[in-house]
PDB file of N, CA and C in Angstrom:
ATOM      1  N   UNK A   1       3.999 -24.494 -15.056  1.00  0.00           N
ATOM      2  CA  UNK A   1       3.679 -24.252 -13.656  1.00  0.00           C
ATOM      3  C   UNK A   1       2.817 -22.997 -13.538  1.00  0.00           C
ATOM      4  N   UNK A   2       1.880 -22.975 -12.618  1.00  0.00           N
ATOM      5  CA  UNK A   2       0.938 -21.888 -12.435  1.00  0.00           C
ATOM      6  C   UNK A   2       1.615 -20.557 -12.120  1.00  0.00           C
ATOM      7  N   UNK A   3       2.714 -20.555 -11.394  1.00  0.00           N
ATOM      8  CA  UNK A   3       3.349 -19.313 -10.957  1.00  0.00           C
ATOM      9  C   UNK A   3       4.460 -18.826 -11.882  1.00  0.00           C
ATOM     10  N   UNK A   4       4.606 -19.407 -13.051  1.00  0.00           N
ATOM     11  CA  UNK A   4       5.669 -18.986 -13.964  1.00  0.00           C
ATOM     12  C   UNK A   4       5.594 -17.503 -14.314  1.00  0.00           C
ATOM     13  N   UNK A   5       4.394 -16.953 -14.397  1.00  0.00           N
ATOM     14  CA  UNK A   5       4.248 -15.545 -14.767  1.00  0.00           C
ATOM     15  C   UNK A   5       4.635 -14.595 -13.634  1.00  0.00           C
ATOM     16  N   UNK A   6       4.975 -15.097 -12.465  1.00  0.00           N
ATOM     17  CA  UNK A   6       5.329 -14.261 -11.328  1.00  0.00           C
ATOM     18  C   UNK A   6       6.835 -14.105 -11.147  1.00  0.00           C
ATOM     19  N   UNK A   7       7.571 -14.247 -12.195  1.00  0.00           N
ATOM     20  CA  UNK A   7       9.028 -14.123 -12.109  1.00  0.00           C
ATOM     21  C   UNK A   7       9.456 -12.660 -12.199  1.00  0.00           C
ATOM     22  N   UNK A   8      10.541 -12.334 -11.501  1.00  0.00           N
ATOM     23  CA  UNK A   8      11.101 -10.996 -11.592  1.00  0.00           C
ATOM     24  C   UNK A   8      11.815 -10.855 -12.930  1.00  0.00           C
ATOM     25  N   UNK A   9      11.561  -9.758 -13.599  1.00  0.00           N
ATOM     26  CA  UNK A   9      12.204  -9.458 -14.879  1.00  0.00           C
ATOM     27  C   UNK A   9      13.099  -8.241 -14.677  1.00  0.00           C
ATOM     28  N   UNK A  10      14.019  -7.976 -15.603  1.00  0.00           N
ATOM     29  CA  UNK A  10      14.852  -6.771 -15.471  1.00  0.00           C
ATOM     30  C   UNK A  10      14.009  -5.495 -15.348  1.00  0.00           C
ATOM     31  N   UNK A  11      12.873  -5.439 -16.018  1.00  0.00           N
ATOM     32  CA  UNK A  11      12.011  -4.257 -15.923  1.00  0.00           C
ATOM     33  C   UNK A  11      11.445  -4.120 -14.517  1.00  0.00           C
ATOM     34  N   UNK A  12      10.995  -5.223 -13.922  1.00  0.00           N
ATOM     35  CA  UNK A  12      10.453  -5.171 -12.574  1.00  0.00           C
ATOM     36  C   UNK A  12      11.518  -4.846 -11.533  1.00  0.00           C
ATOM     37  N   UNK A  13      12.752  -5.211 -11.797  1.00  0.00           N
ATOM     38  CA  UNK A  13      13.831  -4.997 -10.840  1.00  0.00           C
ATOM     39  C   UNK A  13      14.515  -3.642 -10.989  1.00  0.00           C
ATOM     40  N   UNK A  14      14.229  -2.924 -12.067  1.00  0.00           N
ATOM     41  CA  UNK A  14      14.884  -1.631 -12.274  1.00  0.00           C
ATOM     42  C   UNK A  14      14.099  -0.529 -11.584  1.00  0.00           C
ATOM     43  N   UNK A  15      14.818   0.453 -11.088  1.00  0.00           N
ATOM     44  CA  UNK A  15      14.202   1.583 -10.406  1.00  0.00           C
ATOM     45  C   UNK A  15      13.972   2.690 -11.436  1.00  0.00           C
ATOM     46  N   UNK A  16      12.727   3.138 -11.601  1.00  0.00           N
ATOM     47  CA  UNK A  16      12.480   4.202 -12.572  1.00  0.00           C
ATOM     48  C   UNK A  16      13.128   5.508 -12.135  1.00  0.00           C
ATOM     49  N   UNK A  17      13.460   6.342 -13.095  1.00  0.00           N
ATOM     50  CA  UNK A  17      14.040   7.655 -12.785  1.00  0.00           C
ATOM     51  C   UNK A  17      12.994   8.485 -12.045  1.00  0.00           C
ATOM     52  N   UNK A  18      13.389   9.107 -10.932  1.00  0.00           N
ATOM     53  CA  UNK A  18      12.425   9.915 -10.186  1.00  0.00           C
ATOM     54  C   UNK A  18      11.996  11.141 -10.983  1.00  0.00           C
ATOM     55  N   UNK A  19      10.719  11.511 -10.814  1.00  0.00           N
ATOM     56  CA  UNK A  19      10.219  12.709 -11.500  1.00  0.00           C
ATOM     57  C   UNK A  19       9.105  13.317 -10.669  1.00  0.00           C
ATOM     58  N   UNK A  20       8.762  14.551 -10.970  1.00  0.00           N
ATOM     59  CA  UNK A  20       7.671  15.213 -10.264  1.00  0.00           C
ATOM     60  C   UNK A  20       7.919  15.297  -8.772  1.00  0.00           C
ATOM     61  N   UNK A  21       6.949  14.900  -7.997  1.00  0.00           N
ATOM     62  CA  UNK A  21       7.055  14.940  -6.541  1.00  0.00           C
ATOM     63  C   UNK A  21       7.461  13.592  -5.962  1.00  0.00           C
ATOM     64  N   UNK A  22       8.294  12.860  -6.676  1.00  0.00           N
ATOM     65  CA  UNK A  22       8.766  11.562  -6.193  1.00  0.00           C
ATOM     66  C   UNK A  22       9.481  11.751  -4.855  1.00  0.00           C
ATOM     67  N   UNK A  23       9.308  10.780  -3.976  1.00  0.00           N
ATOM     68  CA  UNK A  23       9.917  10.837  -2.657  1.00  0.00           C
ATOM     69  C   UNK A  23      10.714   9.567  -2.420  1.00  0.00           C
ATOM     70  N   UNK A  24      11.712   9.684  -1.553  1.00  0.00           N
ATOM     71  CA  UNK A  24      12.512   8.532  -1.139  1.00  0.00           C
ATOM     72  C   UNK A  24      12.568   8.526   0.376  1.00  0.00           C
ATOM     73  N   UNK A  25      12.603   7.333   0.953  1.00  0.00           N
ATOM     74  CA  UNK A  25      12.682   7.191   2.400  1.00  0.00           C
ATOM     75  C   UNK A  25      13.222   5.815   2.737  1.00  0.00           C
ATOM     76  N   UNK A  26      13.603   5.637   3.967  1.00  0.00           N
ATOM     77  CA  UNK A  26      13.963   4.325   4.493  1.00  0.00           C
ATOM     78  C   UNK A  26      12.894   3.962   5.513  1.00  0.00           C
ATOM     79  N   UNK A  27      12.321   2.760   5.391  1.00  0.00           N
ATOM     80  CA  UNK A  27      11.289   2.322   6.320  1.00  0.00           C
ATOM     81  C   UNK A  27      11.913   1.533   7.462  1.00  0.00           C
ATOM     82  N   UNK A  28      11.544   1.896   8.682  1.00  0.00           N
ATOM     83  CA  UNK A  28      12.000   1.188   9.876  1.00  0.00           C
ATOM     84  C   UNK A  28      10.785   0.701  10.664  1.00  0.00           C
ATOM     85  N   UNK A  29      10.957  -0.367  11.405  1.00  0.00           N
ATOM     86  CA  UNK A  29       9.926  -0.891  12.308  1.00  0.00           C
ATOM     87  C   UNK A  29       8.607  -1.139  11.575  1.00  0.00           C
ATOM     88  N   UNK A  30       8.690  -1.745  10.422  1.00  0.00           N
ATOM     89  CA  UNK A  30       7.527  -2.020   9.574  1.00  0.00           C
ATOM     90  C   UNK A  30       6.689  -3.136  10.178  1.00  0.00           C
ATOM     91  N   UNK A  31       5.396  -2.875  10.386  1.00  0.00           N
ATOM     92  CA  UNK A  31       4.473  -3.870  10.928  1.00  0.00           C
ATOM     93  C   UNK A  31       3.209  -3.857  10.081  1.00  0.00           C
ATOM     94  N   UNK A  32       2.708  -5.042   9.739  1.00  0.00           N
ATOM     95  CA  UNK A  32       1.457  -5.147   9.007  1.00  0.00           C
ATOM     96  C   UNK A  32       0.543  -6.123   9.742  1.00  0.00           C
ATOM     97  N   UNK A  33      -0.675  -5.668  10.011  1.00  0.00           N
ATOM     98  CA  UNK A  33      -1.691  -6.502  10.651  1.00  0.00           C
ATOM     99  C   UNK A  33      -2.865  -6.570   9.688  1.00  0.00           C
ATOM    100  N   UNK A  34      -3.290  -7.784   9.336  1.00  0.00           N
ATOM    101  CA  UNK A  34      -4.345  -7.962   8.344  1.00  0.00           C
ATOM    102  C   UNK A  34      -5.547  -8.652   8.975  1.00  0.00           C
ATOM    103  N   UNK A  35      -6.711  -8.109   8.700  1.00  0.00           N
ATOM    104  CA  UNK A  35      -7.970  -8.622   9.221  1.00  0.00           C
ATOM    105  C   UNK A  35      -8.803  -9.182   8.075  1.00  0.00           C
ATOM    106  N   UNK A  36      -9.520 -10.257   8.342  1.00  0.00           N
ATOM    107  CA  UNK A  36     -10.477 -10.797   7.384  1.00  0.00           C
ATOM    108  C   UNK A  36     -11.820 -10.125   7.652  1.00  0.00           C
ATOM    109  N   UNK A  37     -12.468  -9.647   6.576  1.00  0.00           N
ATOM    110  CA  UNK A  37     -13.730  -8.918   6.713  1.00  0.00           C
ATOM    111  C   UNK A  37     -14.749  -9.422   5.695  1.00  0.00           C
ATOM    112  N   UNK A  38     -15.998  -9.192   5.982  1.00  0.00           N
ATOM    113  CA  UNK A  38     -17.088  -9.554   5.082  1.00  0.00           C
ATOM    114  C   UNK A  38     -16.919  -8.778   3.772  1.00  0.00           C
ATOM    115  N   UNK A  39     -16.808  -9.472   2.635  1.00  0.00           N
ATOM    116  CA  UNK A  39     -16.574  -8.768   1.372  1.00  0.00           C
ATOM    117  C   UNK A  39     -17.702  -7.812   0.986  1.00  0.00           C
ATOM    118  N   UNK A  40     -18.934  -8.086   1.390  1.00  0.00           N
ATOM    119  CA  UNK A  40     -20.025  -7.166   1.044  1.00  0.00           C
ATOM    120  C   UNK A  40     -19.896  -5.849   1.809  1.00  0.00           C
ATOM    121  N   UNK A  41     -19.410  -5.909   3.031  1.00  0.00           N
ATOM    122  CA  UNK A  41     -19.177  -4.690   3.807  1.00  0.00           C
ATOM    123  C   UNK A  41     -18.008  -3.920   3.201  1.00  0.00           C
ATOM    124  N   UNK A  42     -16.947  -4.635   2.848  1.00  0.00           N
ATOM    125  CA  UNK A  42     -15.785  -4.000   2.227  1.00  0.00           C
ATOM    126  C   UNK A  42     -16.162  -3.361   0.895  1.00  0.00           C
ATOM    127  N   UNK A  43     -16.929  -4.050   0.095  1.00  0.00           N
ATOM    128  CA  UNK A  43     -17.332  -3.568  -1.234  1.00  0.00           C
ATOM    129  C   UNK A  43     -18.020  -2.197  -1.145  1.00  0.00           C
ATOM    130  N   UNK A  44     -18.748  -1.967  -0.075  1.00  0.00           N
ATOM    131  CA  UNK A  44     -19.454  -0.701   0.104  1.00  0.00           C
ATOM    132  C   UNK A  44     -18.502   0.487   0.232  1.00  0.00           C
ATOM    133  N   UNK A  45     -17.225   0.233   0.519  1.00  0.00           N
ATOM    134  CA  UNK A  45     -16.243   1.301   0.700  1.00  0.00           C
ATOM    135  C   UNK A  45     -15.311   1.447  -0.508  1.00  0.00           C
ATOM    136  N   UNK A  46     -15.572   0.702  -1.566  1.00  0.00           N
ATOM    137  CA  UNK A  46     -14.725   0.719  -2.759  1.00  0.00           C
ATOM    138  C   UNK A  46     -15.456   1.363  -3.928  1.00  0.00           C
ATOM    139  N   UNK A  47     -14.691   1.894  -4.863  1.00  0.00           N
ATOM    140  CA  UNK A  47     -15.253   2.352  -6.129  1.00  0.00           C
ATOM    141  C   UNK A  47     -15.796   1.114  -6.849  1.00  0.00           C
ATOM    142  N   UNK A  48     -16.919   1.238  -7.572  1.00  0.00           N
ATOM    143  CA  UNK A  48     -17.520   0.064  -8.228  1.00  0.00           C
ATOM    144  C   UNK A  48     -16.594  -0.667  -9.207  1.00  0.00           C
ATOM    145  N   UNK A  49     -15.556   0.002  -9.665  1.00  0.00           N
ATOM    146  CA  UNK A  49     -14.613  -0.626 -10.602  1.00  0.00           C
ATOM    147  C   UNK A  49     -13.771  -1.717  -9.932  1.00  0.00           C
ATOM    148  N   UNK A  50     -13.709  -1.717  -8.594  1.00  0.00           N
ATOM    149  CA  UNK A  50     -12.827  -2.624  -7.871  1.00  0.00           C
ATOM    150  C   UNK A  50     -13.615  -3.672  -7.094  1.00  0.00           C
ATOM    151  N   UNK A  51     -13.091  -4.885  -7.087  1.00  0.00           N
ATOM    152  CA  UNK A  51     -13.677  -6.012  -6.363  1.00  0.00           C
ATOM    153  C   UNK A  51     -12.685  -6.487  -5.303  1.00  0.00           C
ATOM    154  N   UNK A  52     -13.162  -6.783  -4.102  1.00  0.00           N
ATOM    155  CA  UNK A  52     -12.251  -7.282  -3.066  1.00  0.00           C
ATOM    156  C   UNK A  52     -11.604  -8.610  -3.471  1.00  0.00           C
ATOM    157  N   UNK A  53     -10.315  -8.745  -3.205  1.00  0.00           N
ATOM    158  CA  UNK A  53      -9.645 -10.039  -3.309  1.00  0.00           C
ATOM    159  C   UNK A  53     -10.026 -10.804  -2.044  1.00  0.00           C
ATOM    160  N   UNK A  54     -10.511 -12.014  -2.201  1.00  0.00           N
ATOM    161  CA  UNK A  54     -10.998 -12.785  -1.057  1.00  0.00           C
ATOM    162  C   UNK A  54     -10.240 -14.105  -0.929  1.00  0.00           C
ATOM    163  N   UNK A  55     -10.122 -14.550   0.315  1.00  0.00           N
ATOM    164  CA  UNK A  55      -9.519 -15.851   0.579  1.00  0.00           C
ATOM    165  C   UNK A  55     -10.434 -16.612   1.537  1.00  0.00           C
ATOM    166  N   UNK A  56     -10.394 -17.911   1.417  1.00  0.00           N
ATOM    167  CA  UNK A  56     -11.133 -18.770   2.334  1.00  0.00           C
ATOM    168  C   UNK A  56     -10.158 -19.658   3.082  1.00  0.00           C
ATOM    169  N   UNK A  57     -10.414 -19.896   4.333  1.00  0.00           N
ATOM    170  CA  UNK A  57      -9.545 -20.736   5.156  1.00  0.00           C
ATOM    171  C   UNK A  57     -10.387 -21.861   5.762  1.00  0.00           C
ATOM    172  N   UNK A  58      -9.893 -23.068   5.643  1.00  0.00           N
ATOM    173  CA  UNK A  58     -10.540 -24.248   6.236  1.00  0.00           C
ATOM    174  C   UNK A  58     -12.011 -24.374   5.853  1.00  0.00           C
ATOM    175  N   UNK A  59     -12.325 -24.099   4.592  1.00  0.00           N
ATOM    176  CA  UNK A  59     -13.682 -24.273   4.104  1.00  0.00           C
ATOM    177  C   UNK A  59     -14.650 -23.158   4.459  1.00  0.00           C
ATOM    178  N   UNK A  60     -14.182 -22.142   5.167  1.00  0.00           N
ATOM    179  CA  UNK A  60     -15.052 -21.011   5.522  1.00  0.00           C
ATOM    180  C   UNK A  60     -15.322 -20.162   4.284  1.00  0.00           C
ATOM    181  N   UNK A  61     -16.395 -19.367   4.340  1.00  0.00           N
ATOM    182  CA  UNK A  61     -16.728 -18.475   3.233  1.00  0.00           C
ATOM    183  C   UNK A  61     -15.565 -17.518   2.980  1.00  0.00           C
ATOM    184  N   UNK A  62     -15.249 -17.253   1.706  1.00  0.00           N
ATOM    185  CA  UNK A  62     -14.157 -16.322   1.398  1.00  0.00           C
ATOM    186  C   UNK A  62     -14.388 -14.948   2.031  1.00  0.00           C
ATOM    187  N   UNK A  63     -13.314 -14.373   2.525  1.00  0.00           N
ATOM    188  CA  UNK A  63     -13.352 -13.075   3.200  1.00  0.00           C
ATOM    189  C   UNK A  63     -12.411 -12.098   2.511  1.00  0.00           C
ATOM    190  N   UNK A  64     -12.758 -10.808   2.569  1.00  0.00           N
ATOM    191  CA  UNK A  64     -11.872  -9.757   2.088  1.00  0.00           C
ATOM    192  C   UNK A  64     -10.789  -9.490   3.120  1.00  0.00           C
ATOM    193  N   UNK A  65      -9.788  -8.720   2.714  1.00  0.00           N
ATOM    194  CA  UNK A  65      -8.662  -8.432   3.601  1.00  0.00           C
ATOM    195  C   UNK A  65      -8.484  -6.923   3.757  1.00  0.00           C
ATOM    196  N   UNK A  66      -8.332  -6.481   4.995  1.00  0.00           N
ATOM    197  CA  UNK A  66      -8.032  -5.089   5.305  1.00  0.00           C
ATOM    198  C   UNK A  66      -6.795  -5.081   6.184  1.00  0.00           C
ATOM    199  N   UNK A  67      -5.819  -4.248   5.840  1.00  0.00           N
ATOM    200  CA  UNK A  67      -4.565  -4.189   6.600  1.00  0.00           C
ATOM    201  C   UNK A  67      -4.332  -2.815   7.201  1.00  0.00           C
ATOM    202  N   UNK A  68      -3.704  -2.839   8.367  1.00  0.00           N
ATOM    203  CA  UNK A  68      -3.161  -1.644   8.998  1.00  0.00           C
ATOM    204  C   UNK A  68      -1.649  -1.813   8.917  1.00  0.00           C
ATOM    205  N   UNK A  69      -0.993  -0.861   8.268  1.00  0.00           N
ATOM    206  CA  UNK A  69       0.455  -0.952   8.044  1.00  0.00           C
ATOM    207  C   UNK A  69       1.105   0.260   8.707  1.00  0.00           C
ATOM    208  N   UNK A  70       1.959   0.010   9.680  1.00  0.00           N
ATOM    209  CA  UNK A  70       2.581   1.116  10.390  1.00  0.00           C
ATOM    210  C   UNK A  70       4.099   0.991  10.324  1.00  0.00           C
ATOM    211  N   UNK A  71       4.780   2.117  10.258  1.00  0.00           N
ATOM    212  CA  UNK A  71       6.234   2.131  10.120  1.00  0.00           C
ATOM    213  C   UNK A  71       6.764   3.516  10.422  1.00  0.00           C
ATOM    214  N   UNK A  72       8.077   3.613  10.526  1.00  0.00           N
ATOM    215  CA  UNK A  72       8.767   4.883  10.697  1.00  0.00           C
ATOM    216  C   UNK A  72       9.442   5.231   9.381  1.00  0.00           C
ATOM    217  N   UNK A  73       9.127   6.419   8.853  1.00  0.00           N
ATOM    218  CA  UNK A  73       9.847   6.944   7.687  1.00  0.00           C
ATOM    219  C   UNK A  73      11.097   7.634   8.221  1.00  0.00           C
ATOM    220  N   UNK A  74      12.257   7.153   7.816  1.00  0.00           N
ATOM    221  CA  UNK A  74      13.507   7.794   8.238  1.00  0.00           C
ATOM    222  C   UNK A  74      14.110   8.519   7.050  1.00  0.00           C
ATOM    223  N   UNK A  75      14.456   9.764   7.235  1.00  0.00           N
ATOM    224  CA  UNK A  75      15.068  10.600   6.191  1.00  0.00           C
ATOM    225  C   UNK A  75      14.175  10.709   4.955  1.00  0.00           C
ATOM    226  N   UNK A  76      12.879  10.905   5.172  1.00  0.00           N
ATOM    227  CA  UNK A  76      11.949  11.127   4.064  1.00  0.00           C
ATOM    228  C   UNK A  76      12.352  12.414   3.357  1.00  0.00           C
ATOM    229  N   UNK A  77      12.400  12.374   2.033  1.00  0.00           N
ATOM    230  CA  UNK A  77      12.777  13.559   1.248  1.00  0.00           C
ATOM    231  C   UNK A  77      12.182  13.475  -0.143  1.00  0.00           C
ATOM    232  N   UNK A  78      11.857  14.635  -0.687  1.00  0.00           N
ATOM    233  CA  UNK A  78      11.470  14.703  -2.084  1.00  0.00           C
ATOM    234  C   UNK A  78      12.751  14.763  -2.908  1.00  0.00           C
ATOM    235  N   UNK A  79      12.797  14.087  -4.023  1.00  0.00           N
ATOM    236  CA  UNK A  79      14.043  14.006  -4.795  1.00  0.00           C
ATOM    237  C   UNK A  79      14.444  15.360  -5.359  1.00  0.00           C
ATOM    238  N   UNK A  80      13.505  16.281  -5.538  1.00  0.00           N
ATOM    239  CA  UNK A  80      13.865  17.608  -6.043  1.00  0.00           C
ATOM    240  C   UNK A  80      14.508  18.468  -4.961  1.00  0.00           C
ATOM    241  N   UNK A  81      14.355  18.108  -3.676  1.00  0.00           N
ATOM    242  CA  UNK A  81      14.943  18.841  -2.544  1.00  0.00           C
ATOM    243  C   UNK A  81      15.576  17.858  -1.567  1.00  0.00           C
ATOM    244  N   UNK A  82      16.633  17.165  -1.970  1.00  0.00           N
ATOM    245  CA  UNK A  82      17.187  16.110  -1.112  1.00  0.00           C
ATOM    246  C   UNK A  82      17.772  16.604   0.207  1.00  0.00           C
ATOM    247  N   UNK A  83      18.072  17.896   0.323  1.00  0.00           N
ATOM    248  CA  UNK A  83      18.670  18.381   1.565  1.00  0.00           C
ATOM    249  C   UNK A  83      17.637  18.566   2.671  1.00  0.00           C
ATOM    250  N   UNK A  84      16.364  18.655   2.349  1.00  0.00           N
ATOM    251  CA  UNK A  84      15.311  18.773   3.354  1.00  0.00           C
ATOM    252  C   UNK A  84      14.790  17.375   3.679  1.00  0.00           C
ATOM    253  N   UNK A  85      15.115  16.899   4.875  1.00  0.00           N
ATOM    254  CA  UNK A  85      14.728  15.552   5.289  1.00  0.00           C
ATOM    255  C   UNK A  85      13.873  15.621   6.542  1.00  0.00           C
ATOM    256  N   UNK A  86      13.039  14.625   6.691  1.00  0.00           N
ATOM    257  CA  UNK A  86      12.207  14.537   7.891  1.00  0.00           C
ATOM    258  C   UNK A  86      12.011  13.071   8.248  1.00  0.00           C
ATOM    259  N   UNK A  87      11.829  12.796   9.514  1.00  0.00           N
ATOM    260  CA  UNK A  87      11.526  11.441   9.976  1.00  0.00           C
ATOM    261  C   UNK A  87      10.245  11.498  10.790  1.00  0.00           C
ATOM    262  N   UNK A  88       9.368  10.514  10.585  1.00  0.00           N
ATOM    263  CA  UNK A  88       8.073  10.526  11.251  1.00  0.00           C
ATOM    264  C   UNK A  88       7.420   9.154  11.143  1.00  0.00           C
ATOM    265  N   UNK A  89       6.488   8.906  12.040  1.00  0.00           N
ATOM    266  CA  UNK A  89       5.712   7.682  11.994  1.00  0.00           C
ATOM    267  C   UNK A  89       4.585   7.816  10.983  1.00  0.00           C
ATOM    268  N   UNK A  90       4.201   6.700  10.379  1.00  0.00           N
ATOM    269  CA  UNK A  90       3.122   6.704   9.390  1.00  0.00           C
ATOM    270  C   UNK A  90       2.323   5.416   9.540  1.00  0.00           C
ATOM    271  N   UNK A  91       1.008   5.522   9.392  1.00  0.00           N
ATOM    272  CA  UNK A  91       0.138   4.356   9.388  1.00  0.00           C
ATOM    273  C   UNK A  91      -0.777   4.441   8.179  1.00  0.00           C
ATOM    274  N   UNK A  92      -0.832   3.375   7.401  1.00  0.00           N
ATOM    275  CA  UNK A  92      -1.701   3.292   6.225  1.00  0.00           C
ATOM    276  C   UNK A  92      -2.798   2.264   6.487  1.00  0.00           C
ATOM    277  N   UNK A  93      -3.979   2.557   5.977  1.00  0.00           N
ATOM    278  CA  UNK A  93      -5.122   1.646   6.066  1.00  0.00           C
ATOM    279  C   UNK A  93      -5.480   1.259   4.639  1.00  0.00           C
ATOM    280  N   UNK A  94      -5.463  -0.047   4.334  1.00  0.00           N
ATOM    281  CA  UNK A  94      -5.648  -0.463   2.947  1.00  0.00           C
ATOM    282  C   UNK A  94      -6.338  -1.810   2.847  1.00  0.00           C
ATOM    283  N   UNK A  95      -6.800  -2.096   1.633  1.00  0.00           N
ATOM    284  CA  UNK A  95      -7.389  -3.386   1.318  1.00  0.00           C
ATOM    285  C   UNK A  95      -6.758  -3.885   0.025  1.00  0.00           C
ATOM    286  N   UNK A  96      -7.023  -5.120  -0.297  1.00  0.00           N
ATOM    287  CA  UNK A  96      -6.459  -5.735  -1.493  1.00  0.00           C
ATOM    288  C   UNK A  96      -7.611  -6.040  -2.434  1.00  0.00           C
ATOM    289  N   UNK A  97      -7.501  -5.520  -3.653  1.00  0.00           N
ATOM    290  CA  UNK A  97      -8.620  -5.564  -4.593  1.00  0.00           C
ATOM    291  C   UNK A  97      -8.128  -5.897  -5.999  1.00  0.00           C
ATOM    292  N   UNK A  98      -9.095  -6.200  -6.867  1.00  0.00           N
ATOM    293  CA  UNK A  98      -8.799  -6.405  -8.286  1.00  0.00           C
ATOM    294  C   UNK A  98      -9.489  -5.312  -9.080  1.00  0.00           C
ATOM    295  N   UNK A  99      -8.744  -4.688  -9.977  1.00  0.00           N
ATOM    296  CA  UNK A  99      -9.290  -3.702 -10.904  1.00  0.00           C
ATOM    297  C   UNK A  99     -10.030  -4.481 -11.981  1.00  0.00           C
ATOM    298  N   UNK A 100     -11.348  -4.328 -12.063  1.00  0.00           N
ATOM    299  CA  UNK A 100     -12.140  -5.122 -13.004  1.00  0.00           C
ATOM    300  C   UNK A 100     -11.927  -4.693 -14.450  1.00  0.00           C
ATOM    301  N   UNK A 101     -11.322  -3.530 -14.683  1.00  0.00           N
ATOM    302  CA  UNK A 101     -11.042  -3.080 -16.055  1.00  0.00           C
ATOM    303  C   UNK A 101      -9.733  -3.667 -16.556  1.00  0.00           C
ATOM    304  N   UNK A 102      -8.680  -3.616 -15.728  1.00  0.00           N
ATOM    305  CA  UNK A 102      -7.355  -4.085 -16.163  1.00  0.00           C
ATOM    306  C   UNK A 102      -7.039  -5.502 -15.699  1.00  0.00           C
ATOM    307  N   UNK A 103      -7.758  -5.997 -14.686  1.00  0.00           N
ATOM    308  CA  UNK A 103      -7.467  -7.311 -14.121  1.00  0.00           C
ATOM    309  C   UNK A 103      -6.312  -7.305 -13.137  1.00  0.00           C
ATOM    310  N   UNK A 104      -5.739  -6.138 -12.858  1.00  0.00           N
ATOM    311  CA  UNK A 104      -4.596  -6.049 -11.948  1.00  0.00           C
ATOM    312  C   UNK A 104      -5.040  -6.152 -10.488  1.00  0.00           C
ATOM    313  N   UNK A 105      -4.199  -6.805  -9.686  1.00  0.00           N
ATOM    314  CA  UNK A 105      -4.388  -6.848  -8.240  1.00  0.00           C
ATOM    315  C   UNK A 105      -3.645  -5.648  -7.667  1.00  0.00           C
ATOM    316  N   UNK A 106      -4.350  -4.823  -6.925  1.00  0.00           N
ATOM    317  CA  UNK A 106      -3.778  -3.584  -6.403  1.00  0.00           C
ATOM    318  C   UNK A 106      -4.198  -3.388  -4.951  1.00  0.00           C
ATOM    319  N   UNK A 107      -3.572  -2.415  -4.298  1.00  0.00           N
ATOM    320  CA  UNK A 107      -3.953  -2.034  -2.945  1.00  0.00           C
ATOM    321  C   UNK A 107      -4.842  -0.795  -3.024  1.00  0.00           C
ATOM    322  N   UNK A 108      -5.967  -0.831  -2.311  1.00  0.00           N
ATOM    323  CA  UNK A 108      -6.883   0.298  -2.224  1.00  0.00           C
ATOM    324  C   UNK A 108      -6.625   0.965  -0.877  1.00  0.00           C
ATOM    325  N   UNK A 109      -6.173   2.222  -0.907  1.00  0.00           N
ATOM    326  CA  UNK A 109      -5.846   2.936   0.328  1.00  0.00           C
ATOM    327  C   UNK A 109      -7.056   3.714   0.819  1.00  0.00           C
ATOM    328  N   UNK A 110      -7.453   3.436   2.051  1.00  0.00           N
ATOM    329  CA  UNK A 110      -8.539   4.176   2.682  1.00  0.00           C
ATOM    330  C   UNK A 110      -8.030   5.477   3.277  1.00  0.00           C
ATOM    331  N   UNK A 111      -6.786   5.471   3.747  1.00  0.00           N
ATOM    332  CA  UNK A 111      -6.240   6.671   4.364  1.00  0.00           C
ATOM    333  C   UNK A 111      -4.848   6.444   4.897  1.00  0.00           C
ATOM    334  N   UNK A 112      -4.197   7.557   5.208  1.00  0.00           N
ATOM    335  CA  UNK A 112      -2.846   7.563   5.768  1.00  0.00           C
ATOM    336  C   UNK A 112      -2.815   8.554   6.916  1.00  0.00           C
ATOM    337  N   UNK A 113      -2.173   8.178   8.002  1.00  0.00           N
ATOM    338  CA  UNK A 113      -1.991   9.089   9.138  1.00  0.00           C
ATOM    339  C   UNK A 113      -0.506   9.283   9.384  1.00  0.00           C
ATOM    340  N   UNK A 114      -0.107  10.537   9.595  1.00  0.00           N
ATOM    341  CA  UNK A 114       1.266  10.855   9.981  1.00  0.00           C
ATOM    342  C   UNK A 114       1.265  11.201  11.460  1.00  0.00           C
ATOM    343  N   UNK A 115       2.425  11.019  12.104  1.00  0.00           N
ATOM    344  CA  UNK A 115       2.436  11.193  13.564  1.00  0.00           C
ATOM    345  C   UNK A 115       2.341  12.637  14.023  1.00  0.00           C
ATOM    346  N   UNK A 116       2.583  13.622  13.146  1.00  0.00           N
ATOM    347  CA  UNK A 116       2.432  15.009  13.572  1.00  0.00           C
ATOM    348  C   UNK A 116       2.323  15.911  12.352  1.00  0.00           C
ATOM    349  N   UNK A 117       1.676  17.057  12.560  1.00  0.00           N
ATOM    350  CA  UNK A 117       1.561  18.022  11.466  1.00  0.00           C
ATOM    351  C   UNK A 117       2.911  18.624  11.092  1.00  0.00           C
ATOM    352  N   UNK A 118       3.861  18.620  12.031  1.00  0.00           N
ATOM    353  CA  UNK A 118       5.172  19.185  11.723  1.00  0.00           C
ATOM    354  C   UNK A 118       5.868  18.346  10.660  1.00  0.00           C
ATOM    355  N   UNK A 119       5.490  17.084  10.529  1.00  0.00           N
ATOM    356  CA  UNK A 119       6.061  16.246   9.466  1.00  0.00           C
ATOM    357  C   UNK A 119       5.710  16.819   8.101  1.00  0.00           C
ATOM    358  N   UNK A 120       4.480  17.270   7.961  1.00  0.00           N
ATOM    359  CA  UNK A 120       4.024  17.837   6.699  1.00  0.00           C
ATOM    360  C   UNK A 120       4.568  19.238   6.515  1.00  0.00           C
ATOM    361  N   UNK A 121       4.482  20.058   7.543  1.00  0.00           N
ATOM    362  CA  UNK A 121       4.897  21.449   7.405  1.00  0.00           C
ATOM    363  C   UNK A 121       6.404  21.610   7.279  1.00  0.00           C
ATOM    364  N   UNK A 122       7.172  20.550   7.596  1.00  0.00           N
ATOM    365  CA  UNK A 122       8.621  20.639   7.482  1.00  0.00           C
ATOM    366  C   UNK A 122       9.122  20.610   6.045  1.00  0.00           C
ATOM    367  N   UNK A 123       8.221  20.368   5.088  1.00  0.00           N
ATOM    368  CA  UNK A 123       8.665  20.296   3.704  1.00  0.00           C
ATOM    369  C   UNK A 123       8.558  21.614   3.059  1.00  0.00           C
TER     370      UNK A 123
END
């Protein structure tokens, strides 16, 4: 079957030990809105190593995908300082691409917005 390689393995299901500036949070009110865009326009905003993942619907020309993902981070904390917690809104802007060197499908982040500067300065 074509999707046999997409099975969860013990390695994929295990949580790596946190290190460095690893953070933990609970996501609430998660919303994702995805737009279909002209892949040539999208390509202009990517590093040359990455190619847009494209889909076609009902025989239309394949289009790239750009998503706006918004959510509330509840009890965001760095694992090295678990007693300092903060909650704030966050919105990410991303696209879905293929790394032409590794062949991996990854998300390309254009940017992230937090709901206030106090979210950052509280750490």
